[in-house]
N, C-alpha and C. Protein backbone atom coordinates (compact mmCIF):
# COMPACT_ATOMS: atom_id res chain seq x y z
N MET A 1 -7.41 -9.15 7.03
CA MET A 1 -6.33 -7.86 7.21
C MET A 1 -6.07 -7.17 6.18
N LYS A 2 -6.24 -5.83 6.19
CA LYS A 2 -6.35 -4.95 4.84
C LYS A 2 -4.77 -4.37 4.32
N ILE A 3 -4.62 -4.87 3.68
CA ILE A 3 -2.90 -4.93 3.08
C ILE A 3 -2.71 -4.31 1.86
N LYS A 4 -1.66 -3.27 2.08
CA LYS A 4 -1.21 -2.63 0.06
C LYS A 4 0.10 -3.27 0.26
N LEU A 5 -0.09 -3.63 -1.05
CA LEU A 5 0.91 -4.29 -1.39
C LEU A 5 2.08 -3.79 -2.41
N ASP A 6 3.54 -3.38 -1.97
CA ASP A 6 3.79 -2.29 -2.64
C ASP A 6 4.39 -3.16 -3.84
N GLU A 7 5.05 -2.29 -5.07
CA GLU A 7 5.31 -2.78 -6.26
C GLU A 7 6.36 -3.72 -6.36
N ASN A 8 7.05 -3.76 -5.27
CA ASN A 8 8.37 -4.49 -5.69
C ASN A 8 8.16 -5.75 -5.05
N LEU A 9 6.82 -5.99 -5.01
CA LEU A 9 6.59 -7.48 -4.56
C LEU A 9 5.72 -8.28 -5.96
N PRO A 10 5.96 -9.68 -6.41
CA PRO A 10 4.96 -9.68 -7.34
C PRO A 10 3.63 -10.13 -7.08
N SER A 11 2.40 -9.74 -7.97
CA SER A 11 1.36 -9.87 -7.86
C SER A 11 1.00 -11.05 -7.44
N ARG A 12 1.61 -12.16 -7.62
CA ARG A 12 1.19 -13.38 -7.10
C ARG A 12 1.36 -13.52 -5.63
N VAL A 13 2.04 -12.45 -4.76
CA VAL A 13 1.77 -12.86 -3.14
C VAL A 13 0.17 -12.08 -3.37
N ALA A 14 -0.08 -11.14 -4.13
CA ALA A 14 -1.59 -10.39 -3.81
C ALA A 14 -2.63 -11.54 -3.98
N SER A 15 -2.43 -12.58 -4.83
CA SER A 15 -3.44 -13.55 -4.89
C SER A 15 -3.24 -14.50 -3.96
N LEU A 16 -1.90 -14.84 -3.54
CA LEU A 16 -2.03 -15.39 -2.43
C LEU A 16 -2.57 -15.20 -1.01
N LEU A 17 -2.32 -13.89 -0.75
CA LEU A 17 -2.99 -13.53 0.09
C LEU A 17 -4.46 -13.48 0.22
N ASN A 18 -4.77 -12.56 -1.10
CA ASN A 18 -6.42 -12.78 -1.26
C ASN A 18 -7.02 -14.12 -1.06
N GLY A 19 -6.29 -15.25 -1.35
CA GLY A 19 -7.01 -16.86 -1.46
C GLY A 19 -6.67 -16.95 0.06
N MET A 20 -5.83 -15.98 0.92
CA MET A 20 -5.77 -16.71 2.78
C MET A 20 -7.03 -15.87 3.05
N GLY A 21 -7.70 -14.80 2.64
CA GLY A 21 -8.94 -14.00 2.88
C GLY A 21 -8.62 -12.63 3.42
N HIS A 22 -7.56 -12.19 2.90
CA HIS A 22 -6.79 -11.40 3.43
C HIS A 22 -7.50 -10.28 1.96
N ASP A 23 -7.76 -8.94 2.41
CA ASP A 23 -8.01 -7.71 1.36
C ASP A 23 -6.79 -6.87 0.78
N VAL A 24 -6.68 -7.47 -0.27
CA VAL A 24 -5.26 -6.78 -0.60
C VAL A 24 -5.54 -5.70 -1.84
N HIS A 25 -4.85 -4.30 -1.69
CA HIS A 25 -4.67 -4.09 -2.69
C HIS A 25 -3.20 -3.38 -2.99
N THR A 26 -3.10 -3.69 -4.40
CA THR A 26 -1.47 -3.54 -4.97
C THR A 26 -1.40 -1.88 -5.41
N VAL A 27 0.40 -1.64 -5.68
CA VAL A 27 0.14 -0.55 -5.73
C VAL A 27 0.04 -0.17 -7.47
N PHE A 28 0.44 -1.28 -8.00
CA PHE A 28 0.11 -1.26 -9.55
C PHE A 28 -1.31 -1.11 -9.98
N ASP A 29 -2.22 -1.75 -9.27
CA ASP A 29 -3.87 -1.95 -9.27
C ASP A 29 -4.07 -0.17 -9.36
N GLU A 30 -3.80 0.29 -8.10
CA GLU A 30 -4.42 1.60 -7.69
C GLU A 30 -3.19 3.05 -8.72
N GLY A 31 -2.62 2.65 -9.45
CA GLY A 31 -2.15 3.69 -10.75
C GLY A 31 -0.78 3.98 -9.80
N LEU A 32 -0.47 3.46 -8.75
CA LEU A 32 0.88 4.16 -8.09
C LEU A 32 2.22 3.75 -8.38
N ALA A 33 2.05 3.11 -9.33
CA ALA A 33 3.33 2.16 -9.77
C ALA A 33 4.13 2.80 -10.06
N GLY A 34 5.43 3.44 -9.34
CA GLY A 34 6.45 4.42 -9.86
C GLY A 34 6.38 6.06 -9.05
N ARG A 35 5.66 5.71 -8.42
CA ARG A 35 4.93 7.01 -7.95
C ARG A 35 6.47 7.11 -6.77
N PRO A 36 6.04 8.75 -5.88
CA PRO A 36 7.05 8.40 -4.79
C PRO A 36 6.68 7.68 -3.34
N ASP A 37 7.57 7.38 -2.85
CA ASP A 37 7.26 6.38 -1.52
C ASP A 37 6.31 7.02 -0.62
N GLY A 38 6.23 8.42 -0.80
CA GLY A 38 5.55 9.07 0.27
C GLY A 38 4.03 8.66 0.11
N GLU A 39 3.83 9.11 -1.43
CA GLU A 39 2.31 9.14 -2.13
C GLU A 39 1.80 7.30 -1.45
N VAL A 40 2.98 6.18 -1.79
CA VAL A 40 2.17 5.48 -1.60
C VAL A 40 2.11 4.88 0.07
N TRP A 41 2.75 5.23 0.80
CA TRP A 41 2.54 5.59 2.20
C TRP A 41 1.14 6.10 2.91
N GLU A 42 0.92 7.34 2.09
CA GLU A 42 -0.32 8.23 2.27
C GLU A 42 -1.51 7.35 1.96
N ALA A 43 -1.17 6.75 0.86
CA ALA A 43 -2.29 5.95 0.04
C ALA A 43 -2.79 4.23 1.82
N ALA A 44 -1.63 4.38 1.89
CA ALA A 44 -1.63 2.92 2.86
C ALA A 44 -2.50 3.63 4.09
N GLN A 45 -2.01 4.46 4.72
CA GLN A 45 -2.39 4.99 6.00
C GLN A 45 -3.71 5.88 5.79
N ARG A 46 -3.92 6.16 4.56
CA ARG A 46 -5.69 6.81 4.45
C ARG A 46 -6.95 5.35 4.48
N GLU A 47 -6.39 4.55 3.94
CA GLU A 47 -7.05 3.14 3.51
C GLU A 47 -6.87 2.21 4.98
N SER A 48 -5.88 2.54 5.82
CA SER A 48 -5.51 1.86 6.95
C SER A 48 -5.07 0.59 6.59
N ARG A 49 -4.29 0.26 5.80
CA ARG A 49 -3.65 -0.68 5.29
C ARG A 49 -2.36 -1.06 5.93
N PHE A 50 -2.06 -2.44 6.14
CA PHE A 50 -1.24 -2.61 6.51
C PHE A 50 -0.09 -2.86 5.20
N LEU A 51 1.29 -2.15 4.91
CA LEU A 51 1.70 -2.21 3.96
C LEU A 51 2.60 -3.42 3.80
N ILE A 52 3.14 -4.08 2.89
CA ILE A 52 4.16 -5.21 2.73
C ILE A 52 5.13 -4.24 1.54
N THR A 53 6.51 -4.10 1.76
CA THR A 53 7.29 -3.49 0.76
C THR A 53 8.78 -4.79 1.04
N GLN A 54 9.44 -4.32 0.36
CA GLN A 54 11.06 -4.72 0.24
C GLN A 54 11.83 -3.30 0.42
N ASP A 55 11.04 -2.19 0.19
CA ASP A 55 11.63 -1.02 -0.01
C ASP A 55 12.50 -0.64 1.53
N LEU A 56 13.98 0.01 1.36
CA LEU A 56 14.49 -0.08 2.61
C LEU A 56 14.06 1.54 3.01
N ASP A 57 13.79 2.43 2.37
CA ASP A 57 13.28 3.56 2.59
C ASP A 57 11.81 3.32 3.46
N PHE A 58 11.19 2.52 3.88
CA PHE A 58 10.49 2.31 5.14
C PHE A 58 11.43 1.76 6.15
N ALA A 59 12.43 1.18 6.32
CA ALA A 59 13.29 0.65 7.45
C ALA A 59 13.08 1.53 8.69
N ASP A 60 13.20 3.03 8.42
CA ASP A 60 13.65 3.57 9.47
C ASP A 60 12.64 3.60 10.92
N LEU A 61 12.99 3.07 11.87
CA LEU A 61 11.97 2.89 13.05
C LEU A 61 11.58 4.22 13.75
N ARG A 62 12.63 5.22 13.56
CA ARG A 62 12.59 6.70 14.12
C ARG A 62 11.15 7.65 12.88
N ARG A 63 11.50 7.00 11.73
CA ARG A 63 10.51 7.60 11.24
C ARG A 63 9.01 6.97 11.02
N PHE A 64 8.96 5.68 11.16
CA PHE A 64 8.02 4.33 11.03
C PHE A 64 7.87 4.06 12.38
N VAL A 65 7.41 4.85 13.54
CA VAL A 65 7.29 4.52 14.94
C VAL A 65 6.43 3.74 14.77
N PRO A 66 6.51 2.54 15.53
CA PRO A 66 5.18 1.25 15.59
C PRO A 66 4.31 2.36 16.60
N GLY A 67 2.78 2.09 16.29
CA GLY A 67 1.85 2.78 17.01
C GLY A 67 1.46 4.03 16.08
N SER A 68 2.08 4.27 15.30
CA SER A 68 2.04 5.75 14.76
C SER A 68 1.54 5.51 13.02
N HIS A 69 1.06 4.25 13.03
CA HIS A 69 0.79 3.79 11.53
C HIS A 69 0.15 2.49 11.46
N SER A 70 -0.64 2.31 10.66
CA SER A 70 -1.00 0.70 10.09
C SER A 70 -0.25 -0.76 10.45
N GLY A 71 1.26 -0.55 10.22
CA GLY A 71 1.76 -1.42 9.99
C GLY A 71 2.75 -1.46 9.09
N ILE A 72 3.80 -2.27 9.42
CA ILE A 72 4.53 -2.09 7.75
C ILE A 72 5.30 -3.91 7.93
N LEU A 73 5.27 -4.71 7.23
CA LEU A 73 6.09 -6.06 7.17
C LEU A 73 7.55 -5.86 6.04
N LEU A 74 8.48 -5.20 6.25
CA LEU A 74 9.52 -5.15 5.32
C LEU A 74 10.37 -6.58 5.71
N ILE A 75 10.16 -7.15 4.13
CA ILE A 75 11.05 -8.32 3.51
C ILE A 75 12.08 -8.21 3.25
N ARG A 76 13.33 -9.14 3.73
CA ARG A 76 14.63 -8.73 3.94
C ARG A 76 15.49 -10.12 3.38
N LEU A 77 15.01 -10.60 2.01
CA LEU A 77 15.60 -11.78 1.79
C LEU A 77 17.15 -11.75 1.16
N HIS A 78 17.77 -12.52 1.30
CA HIS A 78 19.33 -12.79 0.87
C HIS A 78 19.14 -12.46 -0.88
N SER A 79 18.32 -13.30 -1.62
CA SER A 79 18.06 -13.58 -2.67
C SER A 79 16.62 -13.67 -3.08
N PRO A 80 16.01 -12.22 -3.18
CA PRO A 80 14.50 -11.92 -3.24
C PRO A 80 14.02 -12.25 -4.66
N ASP A 81 14.34 -13.59 -5.48
CA ASP A 81 13.22 -13.63 -6.30
C ASP A 81 12.37 -14.37 -6.14
N LEU A 82 11.74 -14.94 -7.43
CA LEU A 82 10.13 -14.69 -7.22
C LEU A 82 9.44 -16.04 -6.33
N PRO A 83 10.12 -17.22 -6.73
CA PRO A 83 9.65 -18.13 -5.73
C PRO A 83 10.08 -17.89 -4.17
N SER A 84 11.49 -17.14 -4.18
CA SER A 84 11.50 -17.13 -2.68
C SER A 84 10.28 -16.06 -1.54
N LEU A 85 10.33 -15.18 -2.43
CA LEU A 85 9.62 -14.24 -1.91
C LEU A 85 7.95 -14.84 -1.72
N ILE A 86 7.68 -15.83 -2.42
CA ILE A 86 6.25 -16.11 -2.50
C ILE A 86 6.29 -17.20 -1.29
N THR A 87 7.11 -18.04 -1.49
CA THR A 87 7.14 -18.96 -0.12
C THR A 87 7.24 -18.13 0.89
N ARG A 88 8.23 -17.61 1.26
CA ARG A 88 8.28 -16.75 2.39
C ARG A 88 7.07 -15.81 3.14
N VAL A 89 6.38 -14.88 2.33
CA VAL A 89 5.50 -14.40 2.17
C VAL A 89 4.23 -15.41 2.74
N ALA A 90 3.82 -16.57 2.14
CA ALA A 90 3.32 -17.50 2.64
C ALA A 90 3.40 -18.30 3.51
N GLU A 91 4.61 -18.94 3.86
CA GLU A 91 4.76 -19.35 5.23
C GLU A 91 4.51 -17.72 6.70
N ILE A 92 4.67 -17.04 6.44
CA ILE A 92 4.92 -16.37 7.35
C ILE A 92 3.17 -15.92 7.61
N PHE A 93 2.03 -16.00 6.56
CA PHE A 93 0.72 -15.69 6.59
C PHE A 93 0.37 -16.95 7.05
N ARG A 94 0.96 -18.32 7.24
CA ARG A 94 0.39 -19.18 7.36
C ARG A 94 0.68 -19.64 8.72
N GLU A 95 1.84 -19.24 9.63
CA GLU A 95 2.18 -19.73 10.85
C GLU A 95 2.07 -18.70 11.92
N GLU A 96 2.09 -17.09 11.21
CA GLU A 96 2.50 -16.29 12.66
C GLU A 96 0.79 -16.04 12.60
N ASN A 97 0.68 -15.37 13.72
CA ASN A 97 -0.74 -14.07 14.13
C ASN A 97 -0.56 -13.10 13.56
N VAL A 98 -0.52 -12.97 12.16
CA VAL A 98 -0.40 -11.78 11.51
C VAL A 98 -1.77 -10.57 11.78
N GLN A 99 -2.51 -10.74 12.47
CA GLN A 99 -3.56 -9.93 13.10
C GLN A 99 -3.13 -9.42 14.23
N ASP A 100 -2.16 -10.16 14.87
CA ASP A 100 -1.63 -9.12 16.01
C ASP A 100 -0.37 -8.08 15.86
N TRP A 101 -0.29 -7.99 14.21
CA TRP A 101 0.69 -7.03 13.99
C TRP A 101 0.15 -5.66 13.20
N GLN A 102 -1.16 -5.35 13.87
CA GLN A 102 -1.43 -4.20 13.23
C GLN A 102 -0.67 -2.98 14.25
N ARG A 103 -0.41 -1.92 13.61
CA ARG A 103 0.29 -0.96 14.08
C ARG A 103 1.95 -0.99 14.47
N CYS A 104 2.37 -2.44 14.14
CA CYS A 104 3.54 -2.97 14.49
C CYS A 104 4.44 -2.78 12.99
N PHE A 105 5.58 -2.79 13.41
CA PHE A 105 6.81 -3.03 12.45
C PHE A 105 7.51 -4.41 12.32
N VAL A 106 7.55 -5.19 11.23
CA VAL A 106 7.86 -6.15 11.06
C VAL A 106 8.92 -6.27 10.04
N VAL A 107 10.03 -6.90 10.63
CA VAL A 107 10.98 -7.07 9.47
C VAL A 107 11.12 -8.81 9.33
N SER A 108 11.07 -9.10 8.34
CA SER A 108 11.14 -10.91 7.77
C SER A 108 12.69 -10.64 7.33
N THR A 109 13.61 -11.85 7.52
CA THR A 109 14.70 -12.67 6.84
C THR A 109 13.76 -13.62 6.40
N GLU A 110 14.78 -14.87 5.91
CA GLU A 110 14.80 -15.95 5.17
C GLU A 110 14.26 -16.63 6.86
N HIS A 111 14.48 -16.70 7.30
CA HIS A 111 14.22 -17.63 8.87
C HIS A 111 13.88 -16.63 9.85
N LYS A 112 14.28 -15.56 10.11
CA LYS A 112 13.63 -15.20 11.40
C LYS A 112 12.45 -13.79 11.41
N LEU A 113 12.18 -13.54 12.45
CA LEU A 113 11.03 -12.26 12.01
C LEU A 113 11.29 -11.49 12.94
N ARG A 114 11.32 -10.30 13.20
CA ARG A 114 10.89 -9.14 14.55
C ARG A 114 10.07 -8.30 14.62
N VAL A 115 9.35 -8.28 15.36
CA VAL A 115 8.29 -7.48 15.79
C VAL A 115 8.09 -6.63 17.10
N VAL A 116 8.15 -5.15 16.23
CA VAL A 116 8.67 -4.08 17.20
C VAL A 116 6.78 -3.76 17.06
N GLN A 117 6.31 -3.76 18.41
CA GLN A 117 5.32 -3.60 18.70
C GLN A 117 5.11 -2.19 19.66
N PRO A 118 4.04 -1.41 19.10
CA PRO A 118 3.57 0.02 19.90
C PRO A 118 4.16 0.36 21.46
């Protein structure tokens, strides 16, 4: 899966996902850290990458209608510390069929996933 990792996720998540065979680009590596969300979004869509973020600016389903983009995974943990983020992303990518999430809007909490399909 082609993934764009937002700056609010640790680089260890990129290493984890690369190790699982995914093609991960990070906002940091591309010089987009601190840039407006619109620029990050445009880069992800231009490259047909699934965006993984914690940024609530990407939470509006009216703006990010499933099927109109390459996909979003919004991580919403109560305590989004480094170990919790890495553990949750690892669980998701090991246990779920994430390839089916292309063009979907997905929200993850500690224990639940909500997948909104096109």
